[in-house]
Amino acid sequence: MNERNAQAYQAADLYYMRGMTTEAVAEELGTSRATVSRLLRHARESGIVQIRLNENLKPKSQLSQSLSARFKINVNVVNTTADMSPMGRIELVSREGAKLLDSLIDHGTVVGVAWGSTVTEVAKYLPTRPLKDVVVVQLNGAGNARHTGIPYSGIILGSIAHAYNAYMVHFPVPAFFDHASTREAMWQERSIQGVLKTQQKADVALFGIGAFGGAVPSHVYSGGYFDAAEQADLRAHGVVGDMCTVLLREDGTYADLEVNARASGPSPNNLAKIKRRIAVVSGNHRLKALRGALETGAITDLVVDTQLAQALAGS
């Protein structure tokens, strides 16, 4: 522990554990109150002090309770207003998603992460808590014909790994293979089997729900994975969105869709084997896709903005 961390630890111990005032701490350490404030801030930011709320005891609104009872999952409706910008709503929802994820991570936790525009935001708001033996594993491939997807997915995994001093496990395959047979062959490779086995050990999964359109478009439909003709064909087959890059219909069906035989993400059935599965969702354009995702039974925890929650309740 370097000198600054040692000072921050001592200040935090006096302030948080012994209940001393900043003035008393300053006198004890022979420094100023301003310095003590800086040390306490450093203690929080560096993970020396870890302040966590029990998300299971968080008071729920009537809307949250109603949706929780209806879908038999934990629903956190984030207080947003209709006059907020789409990004403003995503920010608030992502902050709450980060709090929930953080409450479920401890030493030795394996976190499965599916990349996406909302998950990118969630990763930004995770607090720094250097833990031991945490693993963050990518749940779905990110490459397509235009790019590898590694920088995009890597930023997400890197942010989470940095927050918890975690070991990163990348999944270096395309989001969608050109041929189902190629995926089947790749799944036999030892390097890929190693990633799949790590995914199966996940204690918690974090993902968004993708959908067509919207002011803040889902990366699956705006990042070159499907051209306009392919997206039109998907819609013609009833596709409304995706969960972990497995495409869904509004009624939750997915198994008969040809594209899913080529998808690298976990099916809802495989995703459901993970104990806690957190979906963080914002934007009314995702309503049909969210309904489809809920129908699969693969979600245990839903963090959603007020406007989308109201639309879901009325559907």
Protein backbone atom coordinates (compact mmCIF):
# COMPACT_ATOMS: atom_id res chain seq x y z
CA MET A 1 0.00 0.00 0.00
CA ASN A 2 1.52 3.35 -1.01
CA GLU A 3 1.73 6.30 1.34
CA ARG A 4 -1.40 8.06 0.04
CA ASN A 5 -3.48 4.89 0.34
CA ALA A 6 -2.12 4.33 3.85
CA GLN A 7 -3.14 7.84 4.88
CA ALA A 8 -6.55 7.45 3.24
CA TYR A 9 -7.09 4.13 5.04
CA GLN A 10 -6.19 5.66 8.39
CA ALA A 11 -8.49 8.64 7.82
CA ALA A 12 -11.33 6.36 6.72
CA ASP A 13 -10.90 4.13 9.75
CA LEU A 14 -11.11 7.10 12.10
CA TYR A 15 -14.05 8.69 10.29
CA TYR A 16 -16.20 5.71 9.29
CA MET A 17 -15.33 3.05 11.86
CA ARG A 18 -14.65 5.14 14.96
CA GLY A 19 -17.22 7.84 14.23
CA MET A 20 -14.83 10.79 14.56
CA THR A 21 -15.62 14.12 12.91
CA THR A 22 -13.41 15.43 10.11
CA GLU A 23 -12.12 18.04 12.53
CA ALA A 24 -11.15 15.34 15.06
CA VAL A 25 -9.57 13.23 12.32
CA ALA A 26 -7.55 16.22 11.14
CA GLU A 27 -6.32 16.83 14.69
CA GLU A 28 -5.45 13.15 15.13
CA LEU A 29 -3.48 13.06 11.86
CA GLY A 30 -1.93 16.48 12.32
CA THR A 31 -3.38 17.85 9.07
CA SER A 32 -6.18 20.11 7.82
CA ARG A 33 -9.89 19.30 7.41
CA ALA A 34 -9.53 19.93 3.67
CA THR A 35 -6.81 17.27 3.47
CA VAL A 36 -9.00 14.85 5.42
CA SER A 37 -11.86 15.46 2.97
CA ARG A 38 -9.52 14.70 0.06
CA LEU A 39 -8.27 11.54 1.77
CA LEU A 40 -11.84 10.34 2.42
CA ARG A 41 -12.77 11.00 -1.21
CA HIS A 42 -9.70 9.05 -2.33
CA ALA A 43 -10.67 6.21 0.03
CA ARG A 44 -14.10 5.96 -1.61
CA GLU A 45 -12.85 6.28 -5.18
CA SER A 46 -10.03 3.76 -4.75
CA GLY A 47 -12.19 1.13 -3.08
CA ILE A 48 -10.63 1.42 0.39
CA VAL A 49 -14.12 2.37 1.56
CA GLN A 50 -17.00 0.44 0.03
CA ILE A 51 -20.43 1.93 0.63
CA ARG A 52 -23.19 -0.37 -0.61
CA LEU A 53 -26.94 -0.41 -0.26
CA ASN A 54 -28.91 -3.63 -0.08
CA GLU A 55 -30.87 -3.38 -3.34
CA ASN A 56 -33.25 -6.11 -2.16
CA LEU A 57 -34.51 -3.77 0.56
CA LYS A 58 -34.98 -0.76 -1.72
CA PRO A 59 -38.55 0.61 -1.45
CA LYS A 60 -40.55 -0.14 -4.59
CA SER A 61 -43.11 2.07 -6.28
CA GLN A 62 -46.59 0.75 -6.92
CA LEU A 63 -45.72 0.34 -10.60
CA SER A 64 -42.60 -1.68 -9.70
CA GLN A 65 -44.62 -3.89 -7.37
CA SER A 66 -47.34 -4.42 -9.97
CA LEU A 67 -44.89 -5.44 -12.71
CA SER A 68 -42.90 -7.61 -10.28
CA ALA A 69 -46.05 -9.52 -9.36
CA ARG A 70 -47.21 -9.82 -12.97
CA PHE A 71 -43.94 -11.17 -14.38
CA LYS A 72 -42.70 -12.83 -11.17
CA ILE A 73 -39.34 -11.09 -11.32
CA ASN A 74 -37.64 -8.19 -9.53
CA VAL A 75 -38.57 -4.95 -11.31
CA ASN A 76 -36.95 -1.60 -10.56
CA VAL A 77 -38.80 1.25 -12.26
CA VAL A 78 -36.46 4.24 -12.43
CA ASN A 79 -38.09 7.63 -11.89
CA THR A 80 -37.86 9.35 -15.27
CA THR A 81 -40.09 11.96 -16.90
CA ALA A 82 -41.49 12.22 -20.41
CA ASP A 83 -39.68 15.49 -21.08
CA MET A 84 -36.26 13.95 -20.52
CA SER A 85 -34.06 13.27 -23.52
CA PRO A 86 -33.61 9.60 -24.49
CA MET A 87 -29.98 9.76 -23.34
CA GLY A 88 -31.05 11.37 -20.08
CA ARG A 89 -33.38 8.44 -19.37
CA ILE A 90 -30.72 5.91 -20.37
CA GLU A 91 -28.25 7.56 -18.00
CA LEU A 92 -30.59 7.28 -15.01
CA VAL A 93 -31.57 3.70 -15.84
CA SER A 94 -27.91 2.75 -16.35
CA ARG A 95 -26.93 4.22 -13.00
CA GLU A 96 -29.58 2.08 -11.28
CA GLY A 97 -28.49 -0.94 -13.28
CA ALA A 98 -24.92 -0.37 -12.12
CA LYS A 99 -26.06 -0.21 -8.49
CA LEU A 100 -27.92 -3.50 -8.82
CA LEU A 101 -25.03 -5.25 -10.55
CA ASP A 102 -22.58 -3.94 -7.97
CA SER A 103 -24.73 -5.29 -5.13
CA LEU A 104 -24.38 -8.80 -6.56
CA ILE A 105 -20.60 -8.84 -7.03
CA ASP A 106 -18.17 -10.06 -4.40
CA HIS A 107 -14.87 -11.94 -4.27
CA GLY A 108 -14.88 -14.81 -6.76
CA THR A 109 -17.98 -13.72 -8.70
CA VAL A 110 -18.15 -14.64 -12.38
CA VAL A 111 -19.98 -11.95 -14.36
CA GLY A 112 -21.34 -12.66 -17.83
CA VAL A 113 -21.74 -9.56 -20.00
CA ALA A 114 -23.52 -9.17 -23.33
CA TRP A 115 -22.34 -6.06 -25.18
CA GLY A 116 -24.82 -3.41 -26.26
CA SER A 117 -25.51 0.32 -26.19
CA THR A 118 -27.21 0.26 -22.77
CA VAL A 119 -24.64 -2.06 -21.19
CA THR A 120 -21.94 0.35 -22.38
CA GLU A 121 -23.57 3.03 -20.24
CA VAL A 122 -24.04 0.75 -17.23
CA ALA A 123 -20.33 -0.07 -17.22
CA LYS A 124 -19.47 3.63 -16.90
CA TYR A 125 -21.22 3.96 -13.53
CA LEU A 126 -19.79 1.01 -11.65
CA PRO A 127 -17.88 2.01 -8.51
CA THR A 128 -14.29 0.98 -8.04
CA ARG A 129 -14.06 -1.98 -5.67
CA PRO A 130 -10.83 -3.93 -6.17
CA LEU A 131 -11.85 -7.51 -5.36
CA LYS A 132 -10.16 -10.89 -5.61
CA ASP A 133 -10.79 -13.58 -8.22
CA VAL A 134 -13.60 -11.79 -10.05
CA VAL A 135 -14.00 -12.89 -13.67
CA VAL A 136 -15.88 -10.96 -16.37
CA VAL A 137 -16.70 -13.04 -19.43
CA GLN A 138 -18.15 -11.91 -22.75
CA LEU A 139 -21.42 -13.71 -23.52
CA ASN A 140 -21.75 -13.02 -27.24
CA GLY A 141 -19.37 -12.43 -30.12
CA ALA A 142 -19.08 -8.95 -31.55
CA GLY A 143 -17.48 -9.26 -34.98
CA ASN A 144 -19.11 -8.74 -38.36
CA ALA A 145 -18.00 -8.39 -41.98
CA ARG A 146 -16.88 -4.79 -41.40
CA HIS A 147 -14.97 -5.04 -38.13
CA THR A 148 -13.89 -7.42 -35.38
CA GLY A 149 -16.02 -5.75 -32.71
CA ILE A 150 -13.15 -6.25 -30.27
CA PRO A 151 -12.57 -2.55 -29.47
CA TYR A 152 -16.29 -2.05 -28.79
CA SER A 153 -16.81 -5.13 -26.61
CA GLY A 154 -13.37 -4.67 -25.08
CA ILE A 155 -14.24 -1.24 -23.73
CA ILE A 156 -17.25 -2.68 -21.94
CA LEU A 157 -15.37 -5.62 -20.47
CA GLY A 158 -12.43 -3.38 -19.65
CA SER A 159 -14.59 -0.93 -17.70
CA ILE A 160 -16.09 -3.71 -15.61
CA ALA A 161 -12.74 -5.42 -15.12
CA HIS A 162 -11.18 -2.12 -14.00
CA ALA A 163 -13.95 -1.58 -11.45
CA TYR A 164 -13.40 -4.94 -9.76
CA ASN A 165 -9.78 -5.78 -10.62
CA ALA A 166 -11.28 -8.65 -12.60
CA TYR A 167 -9.82 -11.08 -15.10
CA MET A 168 -11.28 -10.61 -18.60
CA VAL A 169 -12.35 -13.47 -20.85
CA HIS A 170 -13.06 -12.33 -24.41
CA PHE A 171 -15.20 -14.26 -26.87
CA PRO A 172 -13.38 -13.78 -30.21
CA VAL A 173 -16.11 -14.91 -32.59
CA PRO A 174 -18.61 -13.10 -34.85
CA ALA A 175 -21.94 -11.98 -33.47
CA PHE A 176 -23.54 -13.97 -36.28
CA PHE A 177 -21.75 -16.61 -38.33
CA ASP A 178 -22.43 -16.84 -42.06
CA HIS A 179 -23.26 -20.52 -41.71
CA ALA A 180 -24.64 -22.57 -38.82
CA SER A 181 -22.12 -25.28 -39.64
CA THR A 182 -19.28 -22.84 -39.06
CA ARG A 183 -20.56 -22.09 -35.58
CA GLU A 184 -20.90 -25.80 -34.85
CA ALA A 185 -17.30 -26.36 -35.92
CA MET A 186 -16.01 -23.40 -33.91
CA TRP A 187 -17.82 -24.66 -30.81
CA GLN A 188 -15.61 -27.78 -31.00
CA GLU A 189 -12.39 -25.75 -30.74
CA ARG A 190 -10.75 -25.99 -27.32
CA SER A 191 -10.16 -22.24 -27.11
CA ILE A 192 -13.86 -21.54 -27.69
CA GLN A 193 -14.95 -24.36 -25.40
CA GLY A 194 -12.91 -22.71 -22.65
CA VAL A 195 -14.92 -19.51 -23.02
CA LEU A 196 -18.22 -21.39 -23.16
CA LYS A 197 -17.33 -23.23 -19.94
CA THR A 198 -16.53 -19.93 -18.24
CA GLN A 199 -19.89 -18.54 -19.40
CA GLN A 200 -21.59 -21.54 -17.82
CA LYS A 201 -19.95 -20.69 -14.48
CA ALA A 202 -21.43 -17.18 -14.44
CA ASP A 203 -23.18 -16.16 -11.22
CA VAL A 204 -24.77 -13.07 -12.72
CA ALA A 205 -25.47 -11.87 -16.27
CA LEU A 206 -25.86 -8.29 -17.49
CA PHE A 207 -27.51 -7.45 -20.80
CA GLY A 208 -29.79 -5.02 -22.58
CA ILE A 209 -32.66 -5.63 -24.97
CA GLY A 210 -32.05 -4.71 -28.60
CA ALA A 211 -34.75 -3.37 -30.91
CA PHE A 212 -35.20 -1.73 -34.28
CA GLY A 213 -35.17 2.08 -34.51
CA GLY A 214 -35.21 4.50 -31.60
CA ALA A 215 -33.44 7.77 -30.89
CA VAL A 216 -30.56 5.78 -29.39
CA PRO A 217 -30.41 2.75 -31.71
CA SER A 218 -29.37 -0.70 -30.60
CA HIS A 219 -25.88 -1.52 -31.82
CA VAL A 220 -27.02 -4.81 -33.38
CA TYR A 221 -29.18 -2.90 -35.87
CA SER A 222 -26.96 0.13 -36.40
CA GLY A 223 -23.47 -1.39 -36.30
CA GLY A 224 -23.41 -3.21 -39.62
CA TYR A 225 -24.56 -6.64 -38.48
CA PHE A 226 -27.63 -6.58 -40.76
CA ASP A 227 -28.18 -4.47 -43.86
CA ALA A 228 -31.56 -2.91 -44.70
CA ALA A 229 -32.73 -5.91 -46.74
CA GLU A 230 -31.78 -8.34 -43.98
CA GLN A 231 -33.55 -6.24 -41.36
CA ALA A 232 -36.67 -6.15 -43.53
CA ASP A 233 -36.53 -9.94 -43.82
CA LEU A 234 -36.19 -10.30 -40.05
CA ARG A 235 -39.25 -8.12 -39.53
CA ALA A 236 -41.15 -10.21 -42.08
CA HIS A 237 -40.43 -13.26 -39.91
CA GLY A 238 -41.83 -11.51 -36.85
CA VAL A 239 -38.56 -10.47 -35.24
CA VAL A 240 -38.95 -7.47 -32.91
CA GLY A 241 -35.52 -7.39 -31.27
CA ASP A 242 -32.93 -9.47 -29.50
CA MET A 243 -31.53 -10.51 -26.15
CA CYS A 244 -27.79 -11.26 -26.15
CA THR A 245 -27.95 -11.19 -29.99
CA VAL A 246 -30.48 -14.02 -30.06
CA LEU A 247 -33.41 -12.67 -32.08
CA LEU A 248 -36.91 -12.80 -30.62
CA ARG A 249 -40.53 -12.48 -31.64
CA GLU A 250 -42.98 -10.59 -29.43
CA ASP A 251 -44.40 -13.86 -28.10
CA GLY A 252 -40.94 -14.97 -26.95
CA THR A 253 -40.38 -17.60 -29.64
CA TYR A 254 -36.94 -17.82 -31.22
CA ALA A 255 -35.85 -21.42 -31.74
CA ASP A 256 -37.19 -21.77 -35.31
CA LEU A 257 -35.52 -18.60 -36.60
CA GLU A 258 -32.72 -19.57 -39.00
CA VAL A 259 -30.53 -16.65 -37.93
CA ASN A 260 -30.38 -17.95 -34.35
CA ALA A 261 -28.65 -21.11 -35.52
CA ARG A 262 -25.84 -18.74 -36.53
CA ALA A 263 -25.95 -16.49 -33.45
CA SER A 264 -23.09 -16.65 -30.96
CA GLY A 265 -25.01 -15.43 -27.91
CA PRO A 266 -26.57 -17.76 -25.32
CA SER A 267 -30.13 -18.86 -26.03
CA PRO A 268 -32.74 -17.81 -23.46
CA ASN A 269 -32.77 -21.42 -22.21
CA ASN A 270 -29.01 -21.33 -21.60
CA LEU A 271 -29.15 -17.80 -20.19
CA ALA A 272 -31.79 -18.98 -17.69
CA LYS A 273 -29.22 -21.36 -16.15
CA ILE A 274 -27.43 -18.33 -14.65
CA LYS A 275 -28.76 -17.51 -11.19
CA ARG A 276 -29.29 -13.76 -11.62
CA ARG A 277 -29.99 -12.22 -15.05
CA ILE A 278 -30.20 -8.43 -15.15
CA ALA A 279 -31.86 -6.70 -18.10
CA VAL A 280 -31.39 -2.92 -18.23
CA VAL A 281 -33.80 -1.33 -20.69
CA SER A 282 -34.83 2.18 -21.71
CA GLY A 283 -36.92 3.57 -24.57
CA ASN A 284 -40.49 2.79 -25.65
CA HIS A 285 -39.29 1.50 -29.02
CA ARG A 286 -38.07 -1.54 -27.08
CA LEU A 287 -41.55 -2.43 -25.76
CA LYS A 288 -42.24 -5.35 -28.11
CA ALA A 289 -38.72 -6.71 -27.74
CA LEU A 290 -38.96 -6.45 -23.96
CA ARG A 291 -42.26 -8.31 -23.97
CA GLY A 292 -40.65 -11.04 -26.05
CA ALA A 293 -37.68 -11.25 -23.69
CA LEU A 294 -39.95 -11.49 -20.66
CA GLU A 295 -41.95 -14.26 -22.32
CA THR A 296 -38.80 -16.41 -22.52
CA GLY A 297 -38.45 -16.44 -18.72
CA ALA A 298 -34.76 -15.58 -18.97
CA ILE A 299 -34.93 -12.35 -16.92
CA THR A 300 -34.78 -12.32 -13.13
CA ASP A 301 -34.15 -8.59 -12.64
CA LEU A 302 -35.43 -5.75 -14.81
CA VAL A 303 -34.30 -2.13 -14.54
CA VAL A 304 -36.52 0.05 -16.71
CA ASP A 305 -37.52 3.69 -17.19
CA THR A 306 -40.95 4.93 -16.08
CA GLN A 307 -42.32 5.53 -19.56
CA LEU A 308 -41.42 2.05 -20.82
CA ALA A 309 -42.72 0.50 -17.60
CA GLN A 310 -46.04 2.29 -18.01
CA ALA A 311 -46.29 1.08 -21.60
CA LEU A 312 -45.47 -2.45 -20.46
CA ALA A 313 -48.11 -2.29 -17.72
CA GLY A 314 -50.71 -1.16 -20.24
CA SER A 315 -49.91 -3.85 -22.79
